[in-house]
Amino acid sequence: TERQTAASRAKGVRSVPTFVIGGAAIGGGSEDEIAAAIAQ
């Protein structure tokens, strides 16, 4: 688990929640932003 946590930071994740939807990352996200990312 600690290895995977370190890997998250190594990928550049610095704050949570971070969503990666269809390969595109968004930090946080309102309902509209999440919906737009899913639609895209």
Full PDB file with SEQRES, HELIX, SHEET, SSBOND, CRYST1, ORIGX, SCALE, CONECT and MASTER records, all heavy atoms in Angstrom:
SEQRES   1 A   40  THR GLU ARG GLN THR ALA ALA SER ARG ALA LYS GLY VAL          
SEQRES   2 A   40  ARG SER VAL PRO THR PHE VAL ILE GLY GLY ALA ALA ILE          
SEQRES   3 A   40  GLY GLY GLY SER GLU ASP GLU ILE ALA ALA ALA ILE ALA          
SEQRES   4 A   40  GLN                                                          
HELIX    1 AA1 GLU A    2  ALA A   10  1                                   9    
HELIX    2 AA2 GLU A   31  ALA A   39  1                                   9    
SHEET    1 AA1 2 THR A  18  ILE A  21  0                                        
SHEET    2 AA1 2 ALA A  24  GLY A  27 -1                                        
CRYST1    1.000    1.000    1.000  90.00  90.00  90.00 P 1           1          
ORIGX1      1.000000  0.000000  0.000000        0.00000                         
ORIGX2      0.000000  1.000000  0.000000        0.00000                         
ORIGX3      0.000000  0.000000  1.000000        0.00000                         
SCALE1      1.000000  0.000000  0.000000        0.00000                         
SCALE2      0.000000  1.000000  0.000000        0.00000                         
SCALE3      0.000000  0.000000  1.000000        0.00000                         
ATOM      1  N   THR A   1       0.834  -1.205   0.000  1.00  0.00           N  
ATOM      2  CA  THR A   1       0.000   0.000   0.000  1.00  0.00           C  
ATOM      3  C   THR A   1       0.867   1.253   0.000  1.00  0.00           C  
ATOM      4  O   THR A   1       0.590   2.214  -0.729  1.00  0.00           O  
ATOM      5  CB  THR A   1      -0.935   0.001   1.215  1.00  0.00           C  
ATOM      6  OG1 THR A   1      -1.777  -1.146   1.161  1.00  0.00           O  
ATOM      7  CG2 THR A   1      -1.807   1.252   1.243  1.00  0.00           C  
ATOM      8  N   GLU A   2       1.915   1.250   0.807  1.00  0.00           N  
ATOM      9  CA  GLU A   2       2.810   2.409   0.842  1.00  0.00           C  
ATOM     10  C   GLU A   2       3.511   2.594  -0.506  1.00  0.00           C  
ATOM     11  O   GLU A   2       3.738   3.726  -0.937  1.00  0.00           O  
ATOM     12  CB  GLU A   2       3.815   2.241   1.975  1.00  0.00           C  
ATOM     13  CG  GLU A   2       3.161   2.369   3.354  1.00  0.00           C  
ATOM     14  CD  GLU A   2       4.103   2.065   4.492  1.00  0.00           C  
ATOM     15  OE1 GLU A   2       5.098   1.341   4.271  1.00  0.00           O  
ATOM     16  OE2 GLU A   2       3.838   2.538   5.621  1.00  0.00           O  
ATOM     17  N   ARG A   3       3.841   1.490  -1.182  1.00  0.00           N  
ATOM     18  CA  ARG A   3       4.449   1.593  -2.509  1.00  0.00           C  
ATOM     19  C   ARG A   3       3.474   2.244  -3.484  1.00  0.00           C  
ATOM     20  O   ARG A   3       3.857   3.126  -4.264  1.00  0.00           O  
ATOM     21  CB  ARG A   3       4.847   0.202  -3.011  1.00  0.00           C  
ATOM     22  CG  ARG A   3       5.616   0.219  -4.330  1.00  0.00           C  
ATOM     23  CD  ARG A   3       5.683  -1.149  -4.958  1.00  0.00           C  
ATOM     24  NE  ARG A   3       4.379  -1.580  -5.443  1.00  0.00           N  
ATOM     25  CZ  ARG A   3       3.816  -1.137  -6.562  1.00  0.00           C  
ATOM     26  NH1 ARG A   3       4.429  -0.218  -7.313  1.00  0.00           N  
ATOM     27  NH2 ARG A   3       2.637  -1.590  -6.936  1.00  0.00           N  
ATOM     28  N   GLN A   4       2.216   1.829  -3.435  1.00  0.00           N  
ATOM     29  CA  GLN A   4       1.232   2.399  -4.346  1.00  0.00           C  
ATOM     30  C   GLN A   4       0.933   3.861  -4.018  1.00  0.00           C  
ATOM     31  O   GLN A   4       0.694   4.672  -4.918  1.00  0.00           O  
ATOM     32  CB  GLN A   4      -0.044   1.560  -4.322  1.00  0.00           C  
ATOM     33  CG  GLN A   4       0.130   0.184  -4.933  1.00  0.00           C  
ATOM     34  CD  GLN A   4      -1.176  -0.530  -5.159  1.00  0.00           C  
ATOM     35  OE1 GLN A   4      -2.245   0.073  -5.188  1.00  0.00           O  
ATOM     36  NE2 GLN A   4      -1.113  -1.845  -5.337  1.00  0.00           N  
ATOM     37  N   THR A   5       0.951   4.193  -2.740  1.00  0.00           N  
ATOM     38  CA  THR A   5       0.749   5.588  -2.347  1.00  0.00           C  
ATOM     39  C   THR A   5       1.883   6.465  -2.871  1.00  0.00           C  
ATOM     40  O   THR A   5       1.653   7.569  -3.381  1.00  0.00           O  
ATOM     41  CB  THR A   5       0.648   5.702  -0.818  1.00  0.00           C  
ATOM     42  OG1 THR A   5      -0.456   4.927  -0.362  1.00  0.00           O  
ATOM     43  CG2 THR A   5       0.433   7.147  -0.387  1.00  0.00           C  
ATOM     44  N   ALA A   6       3.106   5.963  -2.747  1.00  0.00           N  
ATOM     45  CA  ALA A   6       4.258   6.695  -3.280  1.00  0.00           C  
ATOM     46  C   ALA A   6       4.148   6.840  -4.792  1.00  0.00           C  
ATOM     47  O   ALA A   6       4.509   7.889  -5.364  1.00  0.00           O  
ATOM     48  CB  ALA A   6       5.553   5.986  -2.896  1.00  0.00           C  
ATOM     49  N   ALA A   7       3.631   5.820  -5.449  1.00  0.00           N  
ATOM     50  CA  ALA A   7       3.464   5.874  -6.903  1.00  0.00           C  
ATOM     51  C   ALA A   7       2.455   6.947  -7.298  1.00  0.00           C  
ATOM     52  O   ALA A   7       2.626   7.613  -8.328  1.00  0.00           O  
ATOM     53  CB  ALA A   7       3.032   4.517  -7.430  1.00  0.00           C  
ATOM     54  N   SER A   8       1.427   7.128  -6.478  1.00  0.00           N  
ATOM     55  CA  SER A   8       0.448   8.174  -6.761  1.00  0.00           C  
ATOM     56  C   SER A   8       1.112   9.549  -6.765  1.00  0.00           C  
ATOM     57  O   SER A   8       0.889  10.365  -7.660  1.00  0.00           O  
ATOM     58  CB  SER A   8      -0.684   8.146  -5.719  1.00  0.00           C  
ATOM     59  OG  SER A   8      -1.414   6.944  -5.793  1.00  0.00           O  
ATOM     60  N   ARG A   9       1.938   9.791  -5.764  1.00  0.00           N  
ATOM     61  CA  ARG A   9       2.635  11.075  -5.702  1.00  0.00           C  
ATOM     62  C   ARG A   9       3.653  11.203  -6.837  1.00  0.00           C  
ATOM     63  O   ARG A   9       3.830  12.298  -7.394  1.00  0.00           O  
ATOM     64  CB  ARG A   9       3.313  11.238  -4.343  1.00  0.00           C  
ATOM     65  CG  ARG A   9       2.322  11.404  -3.192  1.00  0.00           C  
ATOM     66  CD  ARG A   9       3.001  11.722  -1.880  1.00  0.00           C  
ATOM     67  NE  ARG A   9       2.029  11.888  -0.807  1.00  0.00           N  
ATOM     68  CZ  ARG A   9       1.418  13.024  -0.500  1.00  0.00           C  
ATOM     69  NH1 ARG A   9       1.697  14.119  -1.208  1.00  0.00           N  
ATOM     70  NH2 ARG A   9       0.553  13.100   0.492  1.00  0.00           N  
ATOM     71  N   ALA A  10       4.291  10.098  -7.187  1.00  0.00           N  
ATOM     72  CA  ALA A  10       5.263  10.130  -8.280  1.00  0.00           C  
ATOM     73  C   ALA A  10       4.598  10.474  -9.617  1.00  0.00           C  
ATOM     74  O   ALA A  10       5.239  11.043 -10.505  1.00  0.00           O  
ATOM     75  CB  ALA A  10       5.986   8.790  -8.378  1.00  0.00           C  
ATOM     76  N   LYS A  11       3.313  10.145  -9.744  1.00  0.00           N  
ATOM     77  CA  LYS A  11       2.567  10.489 -10.959  1.00  0.00           C  
ATOM     78  C   LYS A  11       2.149  11.949 -10.978  1.00  0.00           C  
ATOM     79  O   LYS A  11       1.571  12.417 -11.963  1.00  0.00           O  
ATOM     80  CB  LYS A  11       1.328   9.605 -11.066  1.00  0.00           C  
ATOM     81  CG  LYS A  11       1.631   8.162 -11.414  1.00  0.00           C  
ATOM     82  CD  LYS A  11       0.350   7.339 -11.438  1.00  0.00           C  
ATOM     83  CE  LYS A  11       0.627   5.886 -11.725  1.00  0.00           C  
ATOM     84  NZ  LYS A  11      -0.596   5.052 -11.664  1.00  0.00           N  
ATOM     85  N   GLY A  12       2.403  12.661  -9.891  1.00  0.00           N  
ATOM     86  CA  GLY A  12       2.079  14.076  -9.838  1.00  0.00           C  
ATOM     87  C   GLY A  12       0.800  14.403  -9.105  1.00  0.00           C  
ATOM     88  O   GLY A  12       0.381  15.564  -9.075  1.00  0.00           O  
ATOM     89  N   VAL A  13       0.162  13.403  -8.488  1.00  0.00           N  
ATOM     90  CA  VAL A  13      -1.048  13.677  -7.709  1.00  0.00           C  
ATOM     91  C   VAL A  13      -0.628  14.374  -6.417  1.00  0.00           C  
ATOM     92  O   VAL A  13       0.147  13.840  -5.630  1.00  0.00           O  
ATOM     93  CB  VAL A  13      -1.822  12.381  -7.403  1.00  0.00           C  
ATOM     94  CG1 VAL A  13      -3.031  12.683  -6.528  1.00  0.00           C  
ATOM     95  CG2 VAL A  13      -2.243  11.697  -8.697  1.00  0.00           C  
ATOM     96  N   ARG A  14      -1.148  15.555  -6.190  1.00  0.00           N  
ATOM     97  CA  ARG A  14      -0.789  16.337  -5.009  1.00  0.00           C  
ATOM     98  C   ARG A  14      -1.989  16.668  -4.131  1.00  0.00           C  
ATOM     99  O   ARG A  14      -1.823  17.070  -2.982  1.00  0.00           O  
ATOM    100  CB  ARG A  14      -0.094  17.643  -5.436  1.00  0.00           C  
ATOM    101  CG  ARG A  14       1.268  17.430  -6.081  1.00  0.00           C  
ATOM    102  CD  ARG A  14       2.283  16.929  -5.062  1.00  0.00           C  
ATOM    103  NE  ARG A  14       3.580  16.660  -5.653  1.00  0.00           N  
ATOM    104  CZ  ARG A  14       3.988  15.505  -6.145  1.00  0.00           C  
ATOM    105  NH1 ARG A  14       3.158  14.472  -6.121  1.00  0.00           N  
ATOM    106  NH2 ARG A  14       5.180  15.342  -6.656  1.00  0.00           N  
ATOM    107  N   SER A  15      -3.169  16.521  -4.671  1.00  0.00           N  
ATOM    108  CA  SER A  15      -4.373  16.812  -3.891  1.00  0.00           C  
ATOM    109  C   SER A  15      -5.454  15.817  -4.284  1.00  0.00           C  
ATOM    110  O   SER A  15      -5.430  15.255  -5.392  1.00  0.00           O  
ATOM    111  CB  SER A  15      -4.842  18.242  -4.127  1.00  0.00           C  
ATOM    112  OG  SER A  15      -5.227  18.416  -5.487  1.00  0.00           O  
ATOM    113  N   VAL A  16      -6.362  15.613  -3.367  1.00  0.00           N  
ATOM    114  CA  VAL A  16      -7.457  14.675  -3.627  1.00  0.00           C  
ATOM    115  C   VAL A  16      -8.789  15.327  -3.268  1.00  0.00           C  
ATOM    116  O   VAL A  16      -8.829  16.217  -2.422  1.00  0.00           O  
ATOM    117  CB  VAL A  16      -7.250  13.362  -2.820  1.00  0.00           C  
ATOM    118  CG1 VAL A  16      -6.159  12.529  -3.451  1.00  0.00           C  
ATOM    119  CG2 VAL A  16      -6.938  13.617  -1.347  1.00  0.00           C  
ATOM    120  N   PRO A  17      -9.860  14.946  -3.959  1.00  0.00           N  
ATOM    121  CA  PRO A  17      -9.884  13.874  -4.957  1.00  0.00           C  
ATOM    122  C   PRO A  17      -9.325  14.323  -6.301  1.00  0.00           C  
ATOM    123  O   PRO A  17      -9.461  15.487  -6.689  1.00  0.00           O  
ATOM    124  CB  PRO A  17     -11.381  13.569  -5.096  1.00  0.00           C  
ATOM    125  CG  PRO A  17     -12.045  14.899  -4.839  1.00  0.00           C  
ATOM    126  CD  PRO A  17     -11.207  15.546  -3.762  1.00  0.00           C  
ATOM    127  N   THR A  18      -8.697  13.404  -6.993  1.00  0.00           N  
ATOM    128  CA  THR A  18      -8.318  13.590  -8.386  1.00  0.00           C  
ATOM    129  C   THR A  18      -8.994  12.484  -9.183  1.00  0.00           C  
ATOM    130  O   THR A  18      -8.851  11.302  -8.858  1.00  0.00           O  
ATOM    131  CB  THR A  18      -6.795  13.534  -8.573  1.00  0.00           C  
ATOM    132  OG1 THR A  18      -6.189  14.678  -7.959  1.00  0.00           O  
ATOM    133  CG2 THR A  18      -6.428  13.530 -10.056  1.00  0.00           C  
ATOM    134  N   PHE A  19      -9.747  12.873 -10.192  1.00  0.00           N  
ATOM    135  CA  PHE A  19     -10.419  11.923 -11.066  1.00  0.00           C  
ATOM    136  C   PHE A  19      -9.631  11.801 -12.362  1.00  0.00           C  
ATOM    137  O   PHE A  19      -9.212  12.810 -12.934  1.00  0.00           O  
ATOM    138  CB  PHE A  19     -11.823  12.408 -11.430  1.00  0.00           C  
ATOM    139  CG  PHE A  19     -12.739  12.648 -10.268  1.00  0.00           C  
ATOM    140  CD1 PHE A  19     -12.750  13.870  -9.610  1.00  0.00           C  
ATOM    141  CD2 PHE A  19     -13.603  11.654  -9.827  1.00  0.00           C  
ATOM    142  CE1 PHE A  19     -13.610  14.105  -8.543  1.00  0.00           C  
ATOM    143  CE2 PHE A  19     -14.467  11.876  -8.761  1.00  0.00           C  
ATOM    144  CZ  PHE A  19     -14.467  13.103  -8.120  1.00  0.00           C  
ATOM    145  N   VAL A  20      -9.447  10.594 -12.821  1.00  0.00           N  
ATOM    146  CA  VAL A  20      -8.919  10.359 -14.166  1.00  0.00           C  
ATOM    147  C   VAL A  20     -10.028   9.647 -14.922  1.00  0.00           C  
ATOM    148  O   VAL A  20     -10.325   8.479 -14.668  1.00  0.00           O  
ATOM    149  CB  VAL A  20      -7.625   9.532 -14.155  1.00  0.00           C  
ATOM    150  CG1 VAL A  20      -7.119   9.332 -15.581  1.00  0.00           C  
ATOM    151  CG2 VAL A  20      -6.555  10.221 -13.310  1.00  0.00           C  
ATOM    152  N   ILE A  21     -10.657  10.375 -15.825  1.00  0.00           N  
ATOM    153  CA  ILE A  21     -11.847   9.897 -16.526  1.00  0.00           C  
ATOM    154  C   ILE A  21     -11.519   9.743 -17.997  1.00  0.00           C  
ATOM    155  O   ILE A  21     -11.239  10.730 -18.687  1.00  0.00           O  
ATOM    156  CB  ILE A  21     -13.027  10.865 -16.329  1.00  0.00           C  
ATOM    157  CG1 ILE A  21     -13.336  11.028 -14.839  1.00  0.00           C  
ATOM    158  CG2 ILE A  21     -14.256  10.369 -17.090  1.00  0.00           C  
ATOM    159  CD1 ILE A  21     -14.407  12.062 -14.529  1.00  0.00           C  
ATOM    160  N   GLY A  22     -11.491   8.509 -18.446  1.00  0.00           N  
ATOM    161  CA  GLY A  22     -11.115   8.258 -19.833  1.00  0.00           C  
ATOM    162  C   GLY A  22      -9.721   8.753 -20.152  1.00  0.00           C  
ATOM    163  O   GLY A  22      -9.447   9.185 -21.276  1.00  0.00           O  
ATOM    164  N   GLY A  23      -8.845   8.729 -19.150  1.00  0.00           N  
ATOM    165  CA  GLY A  23      -7.455   9.141 -19.348  1.00  0.00           C  
ATOM    166  C   GLY A  23      -7.177  10.600 -19.075  1.00  0.00           C  
ATOM    167  O   GLY A  23      -6.013  11.020 -19.054  1.00  0.00           O  
ATOM    168  N   ALA A  24      -8.210  11.405 -18.863  1.00  0.00           N  
ATOM    169  CA  ALA A  24      -8.028  12.841 -18.598  1.00  0.00           C  
ATOM    170  C   ALA A  24      -8.232  13.113 -17.115  1.00  0.00           C  
ATOM    171  O   ALA A  24      -9.225  12.679 -16.519  1.00  0.00           O  
ATOM    172  CB  ALA A  24      -9.011  13.663 -19.425  1.00  0.00           C  
ATOM    173  N   ALA A  25      -7.299  13.848 -16.509  1.00  0.00           N  
ATOM    174  CA  ALA A  25      -7.332  14.111 -15.066  1.00  0.00           C  
ATOM    175  C   ALA A  25      -8.024  15.431 -14.770  1.00  0.00           C  
ATOM    176  O   ALA A  25      -7.807  16.431 -15.462  1.00  0.00           O  
ATOM    177  CB  ALA A  25      -5.921  14.128 -14.500  1.00  0.00           C  
ATOM    178  N   ILE A  26      -8.869  15.407 -13.727  1.00  0.00           N  
ATOM    179  CA  ILE A  26      -9.418  16.647 -13.194  1.00  0.00           C  
ATOM    180  C   ILE A  26      -9.297  16.589 -11.681  1.00  0.00           C  
ATOM    181  O   ILE A  26      -9.498  15.549 -11.065  1.00  0.00           O  
ATOM    182  CB  ILE A  26     -10.890  16.901 -13.607  1.00  0.00           C  
ATOM    183  CG1 ILE A  26     -11.821  15.814 -13.067  1.00  0.00           C  
ATOM    184  CG2 ILE A  26     -11.014  17.029 -15.110  1.00  0.00           C  
ATOM    185  CD1 ILE A  26     -13.287  16.142 -13.248  1.00  0.00           C  
ATOM    186  N   GLY A  27      -8.934  17.724 -11.088  1.00  0.00           N  
ATOM    187  CA  GLY A  27      -8.835  17.801  -9.641  1.00  0.00           C  
ATOM    188  C   GLY A  27     -10.137  18.309  -9.065  1.00  0.00           C  
ATOM    189  O   GLY A  27     -10.731  19.255  -9.586  1.00  0.00           O  
ATOM    190  N   GLY A  28     -10.576  17.677  -7.968  1.00  0.00           N  
ATOM    191  CA  GLY A  28     -11.837  18.104  -7.375  1.00  0.00           C  
ATOM    192  C   GLY A  28     -12.963  17.888  -8.359  1.00  0.00           C  
ATOM    193  O   GLY A  28     -13.153  16.799  -8.880  1.00  0.00           O  
ATOM    194  N   GLY A  29     -13.674  18.941  -8.680  1.00  0.00           N  
ATOM    195  CA  GLY A  29     -14.690  18.831  -9.712  1.00  0.00           C  
ATOM    196  C   GLY A  29     -16.093  19.041  -9.196  1.00  0.00           C  
ATOM    197  O   GLY A  29     -16.536  18.367  -8.274  1.00  0.00           O  
ATOM    198  N   SER A  30     -16.785  20.005  -9.800  1.00  0.00           N  
ATOM    199  CA  SER A  30     -18.208  20.187  -9.533  1.00  0.00           C  
ATOM    200  C   SER A  30     -18.973  19.088 -10.255  1.00  0.00           C  
ATOM    201  O   SER A  30     -18.409  18.329 -11.058  1.00  0.00           O  
ATOM    202  CB  SER A  30     -18.671  21.555 -10.035  1.00  0.00           C  
ATOM    203  OG  SER A  30     -18.575  21.601 -11.456  1.00  0.00           O  
ATOM    204  N   GLU A  31     -20.274  19.000 -10.002  1.00  0.00           N  
ATOM    205  CA  GLU A  31     -21.083  18.020 -10.731  1.00  0.00           C  
ATOM    206  C   GLU A  31     -20.997  18.267 -12.232  1.00  0.00           C  
ATOM    207  O   GLU A  31     -20.865  17.322 -13.023  1.00  0.00           O  
ATOM    208  CB  GLU A  31     -22.531  18.083 -10.261  1.00  0.00           C  
ATOM    209  CG  GLU A  31     -22.738  17.577  -8.844  1.00  0.00           C  
ATOM    210  CD  GLU A  31     -24.182  17.716  -8.385  1.00  0.00           C  
ATOM    211  OE1 GLU A  31     -25.089  17.541  -9.226  1.00  0.00           O  
ATOM    212  OE2 GLU A  31     -24.399  18.014  -7.195  1.00  0.00           O  
ATOM    213  N   ASP A  32     -21.065  19.525 -12.649  1.00  0.00           N  
ATOM    214  CA  ASP A  32     -21.012  19.835 -14.073  1.00  0.00           C  
ATOM    215  C   ASP A  32     -19.661  19.462 -14.669  1.00  0.00           C  
ATOM    216  O   ASP A  32     -19.590  18.967 -15.805  1.00  0.00           O  
ATOM    217  CB  ASP A  32     -21.291  21.317 -14.308  1.00  0.00           C  
ATOM    218  CG  ASP A  32     -22.757  21.678 -14.104  1.00  0.00           C  
ATOM    219  OD1 ASP A  32     -23.597  20.750 -14.102  1.00  0.00           O  
ATOM    220  OD2 ASP A  32     -23.053  22.881 -13.944  1.00  0.00           O  
ATOM    221  N   GLU A  33     -18.582  19.704 -13.924  1.00  0.00           N  
ATOM    222  CA  GLU A  33     -17.254  19.374 -14.437  1.00  0.00           C  
ATOM    223  C   GLU A  33     -17.075  17.864 -14.570  1.00  0.00           C  
ATOM    224  O   GLU A  33     -16.492  17.380 -15.546  1.00  0.00           O  
ATOM    225  CB  GLU A  33     -16.180  19.966 -13.525  1.00  0.00           C  
ATOM    226  CG  GLU A  33     -16.068  21.476 -13.626  1.00  0.00           C  
ATOM    227  CD  GLU A  33     -15.215  22.090 -12.527  1.00  0.00           C  
ATOM    228  OE1 GLU A  33     -15.103  21.485 -11.444  1.00  0.00           O  
ATOM    229  OE2 GLU A  33     -14.672  23.186 -12.769  1.00  0.00           O  
ATOM    230  N   ILE A  34     -17.568  17.120 -13.594  1.00  0.00           N  
ATOM    231  CA  ILE A  34     -17.487  15.664 -13.671  1.00  0.00           C  
ATOM    232  C   ILE A  34     -18.316  15.159 -14.848  1.00  0.00           C  
ATOM    233  O   ILE A  34     -17.870  14.307 -15.627  1.00  0.00           O  
ATOM    234  CB  ILE A  34     -17.953  15.028 -12.350  1.00  0.00           C  
ATOM    235  CG1 ILE A  34     -16.969  15.360 -11.219  1.00  0.00           C  
ATOM    236  CG2 ILE A  34     -18.094  13.510 -12.502  1.00  0.00           C  
ATOM    237  CD1 ILE A  34     -17.475  14.982  -9.832  1.00  0.00           C  
ATOM    238  N   ALA A  35     -19.510  15.702 -15.001  1.00  0.00           N  
ATOM    239  CA  ALA A  35     -20.375  15.287 -16.105  1.00  0.00           C  
ATOM    240  C   ALA A  35     -19.735  15.607 -17.454  1.00  0.00           C  
ATOM    241  O   ALA A  35     -19.799  14.791 -18.391  1.00  0.00           O  
ATOM    242  CB  ALA A  35     -21.735  15.970 -15.987  1.00  0.00           C  
ATOM    243  N   ALA A  36     -19.122  16.780 -17.561  1.00  0.00           N  
ATOM    244  CA  ALA A  36     -18.481  17.157 -18.821  1.00  0.00           C  
ATOM    245  C   ALA A  36     -17.320  16.224 -19.147  1.00  0.00           C  
ATOM    246  O   ALA A  36     -17.114  15.847 -20.314  1.00  0.00           O  
ATOM    247  CB  ALA A  36     -17.995  18.606 -18.747  1.00  0.00           C  
ATOM    248  N   ALA A  37     -16.559  15.841 -18.126  1.00  0.00           N  
ATOM    249  CA  ALA A  37     -15.435  14.932 -18.351  1.00  0.00           C  
ATOM    250  C   ALA A  37     -15.916  13.562 -18.803  1.00  0.00           C  
ATOM    251  O   ALA A  37     -15.317  12.918 -19.667  1.00  0.00           O  
ATOM    252  CB  ALA A  37     -14.606  14.817 -17.090  1.00  0.00           C  
ATOM    253  N   ILE A  38     -17.023  13.092 -18.214  1.00  0.00           N  
ATOM    254  CA  ILE A  38     -17.579  11.803 -18.618  1.00  0.00           C  
ATOM    255  C   ILE A  38     -18.105  11.878 -20.059  1.00  0.00           C  
ATOM    256  O   ILE A  38     -17.858  10.982 -20.879  1.00  0.00           O  
ATOM    257  CB  ILE A  38     -18.695  11.374 -17.647  1.00  0.00           C  
ATOM    258  CG1 ILE A  38     -18.117  11.068 -16.282  1.00  0.00           C  
ATOM    259  CG2 ILE A  38     -19.453  10.157 -18.202  1.00  0.00           C  
ATOM    260  CD1 ILE A  38     -19.157  10.815 -15.203  1.00  0.00           C  
ATOM    261  N   ALA A  39     -18.809  12.953 -20.383  1.00  0.00           N  
ATOM    262  CA  ALA A  39     -19.333  13.116 -21.729  1.00  0.00           C  
ATOM    263  C   ALA A  39     -18.208  13.166 -22.759  1.00  0.00           C  
ATOM    264  O   ALA A  39     -18.294  12.557 -23.835  1.00  0.00           O  
ATOM    265  CB  ALA A  39     -20.189  14.390 -21.811  1.00  0.00           C  
ATOM    266  N   GLN A  40     -17.125  13.865 -22.422  1.00  0.00           N  
ATOM    267  CA  GLN A  40     -15.985  13.954 -23.331  1.00  0.00           C  
ATOM    268  C   GLN A  40     -15.342  12.588 -23.528  1.00  0.00           C  
ATOM    269  O   GLN A  40     -14.953  12.219 -24.648  1.00  0.00           O  
ATOM    270  CB  GLN A  40     -14.955  14.947 -22.762  1.00  0.00           C  
ATOM    271  CG  GLN A  40     -13.687  15.098 -23.597  1.00  0.00           C  
ATOM    272  CD  GLN A  40     -13.958  15.689 -24.967  1.00  0.00           C  
ATOM    273  OE1 GLN A  40     -14.843  16.534 -25.132  1.00  0.00           O  
ATOM    274  NE2 GLN A  40     -13.203  15.236 -25.967  1.00  0.00           N  
TER     275      GLN A  40                                                      
MASTER        0    0    0    2    2    0    0    6  274    1    0    4          
END                                                                             
